[in-house]
C-alpha atoms as a PDB file:
ATOM      1  CA  UNK A   1     129.961 184.477 -85.093  1.00  0.00           C
ATOM      2  CA  UNK A   2     131.762 187.476 -83.631  1.00  0.00           C
ATOM      3  CA  UNK A   3     132.065 191.002 -84.961  1.00  0.00           C
ATOM      4  CA  UNK A   4     135.589 190.171 -86.133  1.00  0.00           C
ATOM      5  CA  UNK A   5     134.454 187.164 -88.150  1.00  0.00           C
ATOM      6  CA  UNK A   6     133.330 188.131 -91.645  1.00  0.00           C
ATOM      7  CA  UNK A   7     130.303 186.391 -93.124  1.00  0.00           C
ATOM      8  CA  UNK A   8     131.061 184.128 -96.015  1.00  0.00           C
ATOM      9  CA  UNK A   9     128.954 184.328 -99.151  1.00  0.00           C
ATOM     10  CA  UNK A  10     126.798 181.379 -98.067  1.00  0.00           C
ATOM     11  CA  UNK A  11     125.702 183.066 -94.815  1.00  0.00           C
ATOM     12  CA  UNK A  12     125.578 186.686 -95.986  1.00  0.00           C
ATOM     13  CA  UNK A  13     122.069 188.070 -96.504  1.00  0.00           C
ATOM     14  CA  UNK A  14     120.997 188.177-100.134  1.00  0.00           C
ATOM     15  CA  UNK A  15     120.638 191.642-101.682  1.00  0.00           C
ATOM     16  CA  UNK A  16     116.933 190.994-102.365  1.00  0.00           C
ATOM     17  CA  UNK A  17     116.339 190.163 -98.697  1.00  0.00           C
ATOM     18  CA  UNK A  18     118.218 193.274 -97.591  1.00  0.00           C
ATOM     19  CA  UNK A  19     116.305 195.581 -99.940  1.00  0.00           C
ATOM     20  CA  UNK A  20     112.944 194.031 -99.014  1.00  0.00           C
ATOM     21  CA  UNK A  21     113.656 194.415 -95.287  1.00  0.00           C
ATOM     22  CA  UNK A  22     114.953 197.954 -95.827  1.00  0.00           C
ATOM     23  CA  UNK A  23     111.799 199.010 -97.680  1.00  0.00           C
ATOM     24  CA  UNK A  24     109.572 197.287 -95.099  1.00  0.00           C
ATOM     25  CA  UNK A  25     111.270 199.171 -92.278  1.00  0.00           C
ATOM     26  CA  UNK A  26     110.810 202.481 -94.097  1.00  0.00           C
ATOM     27  CA  UNK A  27     107.121 201.660 -94.552  1.00  0.00           C
ATOM     28  CA  UNK A  28     106.697 200.609 -90.915  1.00  0.00           C
ATOM     29  CA  UNK A  29     108.269 203.891 -89.815  1.00  0.00           C
ATOM     30  CA  UNK A  30     105.838 205.765 -92.067  1.00  0.00           C
ATOM     31  CA  UNK A  31     102.780 203.826 -90.917  1.00  0.00           C
ATOM     32  CA  UNK A  32     103.233 204.039 -87.170  1.00  0.00           C
ATOM     33  CA  UNK A  33     102.142 206.883 -84.976  1.00  0.00           C
ATOM     34  CA  UNK A  34     104.389 205.576 -82.166  1.00  0.00           C
ATOM     35  CA  UNK A  35     107.538 207.743 -82.183  1.00  0.00           C
ATOM     36  CA  UNK A  36     109.706 205.168 -80.385  1.00  0.00           C
ATOM     37  CA  UNK A  37     108.772 202.432 -82.857  1.00  0.00           C
ATOM     38  CA  UNK A  38     109.236 204.778 -85.809  1.00  0.00           C
ATOM     39  CA  UNK A  39     112.729 205.610 -84.580  1.00  0.00           C
ATOM     40  CA  UNK A  40     113.575 201.921 -84.145  1.00  0.00           C
ATOM     41  CA  UNK A  41     112.432 201.112 -87.691  1.00  0.00           C
ATOM     42  CA  UNK A  42     114.318 204.109 -89.089  1.00  0.00           C
ATOM     43  CA  UNK A  43     117.456 202.932 -87.290  1.00  0.00           C
ATOM     44  CA  UNK A  44     117.051 199.418 -88.674  1.00  0.00           C
ATOM     45  CA  UNK A  45     116.461 200.816 -92.175  1.00  0.00           C
ATOM     46  CA  UNK A  46     119.691 202.807 -91.913  1.00  0.00           C
ATOM     47  CA  UNK A  47     121.588 199.690 -90.786  1.00  0.00           C
ATOM     48  CA  UNK A  48     120.169 197.631 -93.657  1.00  0.00           C
ATOM     49  CA  UNK A  49     120.994 200.391 -96.133  1.00  0.00           C
ATOM     50  CA  UNK A  50     124.617 200.196 -94.978  1.00  0.00           C
ATOM     51  CA  UNK A  51     124.621 196.507 -95.924  1.00  0.00           C
ATOM     52  CA  UNK A  52     122.909 197.228 -99.247  1.00  0.00           C
ATOM     53  CA  UNK A  53     125.539 199.812-100.187  1.00  0.00           C
ATOM     54  CA  UNK A  54     128.248 197.192 -99.649  1.00  0.00           C
ATOM     55  CA  UNK A  55     126.427 194.470-101.612  1.00  0.00           C
ATOM     56  CA  UNK A  56     127.496 193.212-105.014  1.00  0.00           C
ATOM     57  CA  UNK A  57     126.500 195.911-107.553  1.00  0.00           C
ATOM     58  CA  UNK A  58     125.724 193.279-110.185  1.00  0.00           C
ATOM     59  CA  UNK A  59     123.342 191.449-107.868  1.00  0.00           C
ATOM     60  CA  UNK A  60     121.668 194.739-106.935  1.00  0.00           C
ATOM     61  CA  UNK A  61     121.225 195.689-110.587  1.00  0.00           C
ATOM     62  CA  UNK A  62     119.318 192.462-111.263  1.00  0.00           C
ATOM     63  CA  UNK A  63     116.712 193.122-108.545  1.00  0.00           C
ATOM     64  CA  UNK A  64     113.074 193.702-109.444  1.00  0.00           C
ATOM     65  CA  UNK A  65     112.527 196.701-107.187  1.00  0.00           C
ATOM     66  CA  UNK A  66     108.774 197.005-107.781  1.00  0.00           C
ATOM     67  CA  UNK A  67     108.252 193.364-106.780  1.00  0.00           C
ATOM     68  CA  UNK A  68     110.354 193.802-103.653  1.00  0.00           C
ATOM     69  CA  UNK A  69     108.377 196.963-102.852  1.00  0.00           C
ATOM     70  CA  UNK A  70     105.070 195.096-102.916  1.00  0.00           C
ATOM     71  CA  UNK A  71     106.453 192.308-100.732  1.00  0.00           C
ATOM     72  CA  UNK A  72     107.805 194.943 -98.331  1.00  0.00           C
ATOM     73  CA  UNK A  73     104.454 196.748 -98.155  1.00  0.00           C
ATOM     74  CA  UNK A  74     102.825 193.427 -97.276  1.00  0.00           C
ATOM     75  CA  UNK A  75     105.448 192.861 -94.570  1.00  0.00           C
ATOM     76  CA  UNK A  76     104.870 196.326 -93.133  1.00  0.00           C
ATOM     77  CA  UNK A  77     101.084 196.112 -93.165  1.00  0.00           C
ATOM     78  CA  UNK A  78     100.943 193.003 -90.989  1.00  0.00           C
ATOM     79  CA  UNK A  79      97.879 192.600 -88.762  1.00  0.00           C
ATOM     80  CA  UNK A  80      99.938 192.604 -85.541  1.00  0.00           C
ATOM     81  CA  UNK A  81     101.121 196.160 -86.299  1.00  0.00           C
ATOM     82  CA  UNK A  82      97.677 197.596 -87.131  1.00  0.00           C
ATOM     83  CA  UNK A  83      96.852 198.890 -83.639  1.00  0.00           C
ATOM     84  CA  UNK A  84      99.666 201.448 -83.765  1.00  0.00           C
ATOM     85  CA  UNK A  85      99.250 202.464 -87.380  1.00  0.00           C
ATOM     86  CA  UNK A  86      97.745 205.881 -87.675  1.00  0.00           C
ATOM     87  CA  UNK A  87     100.293 208.036 -89.435  1.00  0.00           C
ATOM     88  CA  UNK A  88      99.084 207.153 -92.941  1.00  0.00           C
ATOM     89  CA  UNK A  89      96.383 205.015 -94.473  1.00  0.00           C
ATOM     90  CA  UNK A  90      96.942 201.892 -96.486  1.00  0.00           C
ATOM     91  CA  UNK A  91      97.156 202.155-100.239  1.00  0.00           C
ATOM     92  CA  UNK A  92     100.715 202.693-101.349  1.00  0.00           C
ATOM     93  CA  UNK A  93     101.869 203.218-104.938  1.00  0.00           C
ATOM     94  CA  UNK A  94     102.177 200.078-107.041  1.00  0.00           C
ATOM     95  CA  UNK A  95     105.707 200.990-108.075  1.00  0.00           C
ATOM     96  CA  UNK A  96     108.590 201.486-105.695  1.00  0.00           C
ATOM     97  CA  UNK A  97     108.875 205.178-104.832  1.00  0.00           C
ATOM     98  CA  UNK A  98     112.674 204.892-104.693  1.00  0.00           C
ATOM     99  CA  UNK A  99     115.188 203.908-107.334  1.00  0.00           C
ATOM    100  CA  UNK A 100     118.161 201.728-106.559  1.00  0.00           C
ATOM    101  CA  UNK A 101     120.361 204.698-107.416  1.00  0.00           C
ATOM    102  CA  UNK A 102     118.586 206.770-104.749  1.00  0.00           C
ATOM    103  CA  UNK A 103     118.824 204.026-102.120  1.00  0.00           C
ATOM    104  CA  UNK A 104     122.558 203.549-102.671  1.00  0.00           C
ATOM    105  CA  UNK A 105     123.437 207.248-103.029  1.00  0.00           C
ATOM    106  CA  UNK A 106     125.662 208.744-100.349  1.00  0.00           C
ATOM    107  CA  UNK A 107     123.120 211.520 -99.801  1.00  0.00           C
ATOM    108  CA  UNK A 108     120.212 209.133 -99.027  1.00  0.00           C
ATOM    109  CA  UNK A 109     118.430 210.226 -95.847  1.00  0.00           C
ATOM    110  CA  UNK A 110     116.166 207.728 -94.077  1.00  0.00           C
ATOM    111  CA  UNK A 111     114.118 210.441 -92.357  1.00  0.00           C
ATOM    112  CA  UNK A 112     113.463 212.209 -95.655  1.00  0.00           C
ATOM    113  CA  UNK A 113     112.511 208.871 -97.234  1.00  0.00           C
ATOM    114  CA  UNK A 114     109.964 208.191 -94.485  1.00  0.00           C
ATOM    115  CA  UNK A 115     108.561 211.715 -94.889  1.00  0.00           C
ATOM    116  CA  UNK A 116     108.307 211.100 -98.631  1.00  0.00           C
ATOM    117  CA  UNK A 117     106.282 207.928 -98.006  1.00  0.00           C
ATOM    118  CA  UNK A 118     103.967 209.794 -95.642  1.00  0.00           C
ATOM    119  CA  UNK A 119     103.454 212.621 -98.138  1.00  0.00           C
ATOM    120  CA  UNK A 120     102.948 210.301-101.108  1.00  0.00           C
ATOM    121  CA  UNK A 121     100.301 208.361 -99.180  1.00  0.00           C
ATOM    122  CA  UNK A 122      98.570 211.594 -98.231  1.00  0.00           C
ATOM    123  CA  UNK A 123      98.494 212.870-101.809  1.00  0.00           C
ATOM    124  CA  UNK A 124      98.020 209.580-103.619  1.00  0.00           C
END
């Protein structure tokens, strides 16, 4: 597939997969103490957010954000990433710290979201 070839509905990522990956990348950026990796995960989160914003609003509205959050935390806290984690400790909130309205808002800022995750982990 080329950049000029649009994805059809069968090959397009599902909104749930996009949101889960987006949240996991935010969490990875918050967990790591490696600046280069944090930047890469922030960049990927921003790219995924762009896809989320252009997803079907009805499909987005049906998502169970708290469930996707917990799956994303599990993705981010994988054993192969533990050696570079040092920014925050494990133990994230049980509910997603972001609403769908926040994620899809024009003013959403990935860097501020990562900082929010770091601060919420530090304060509990």
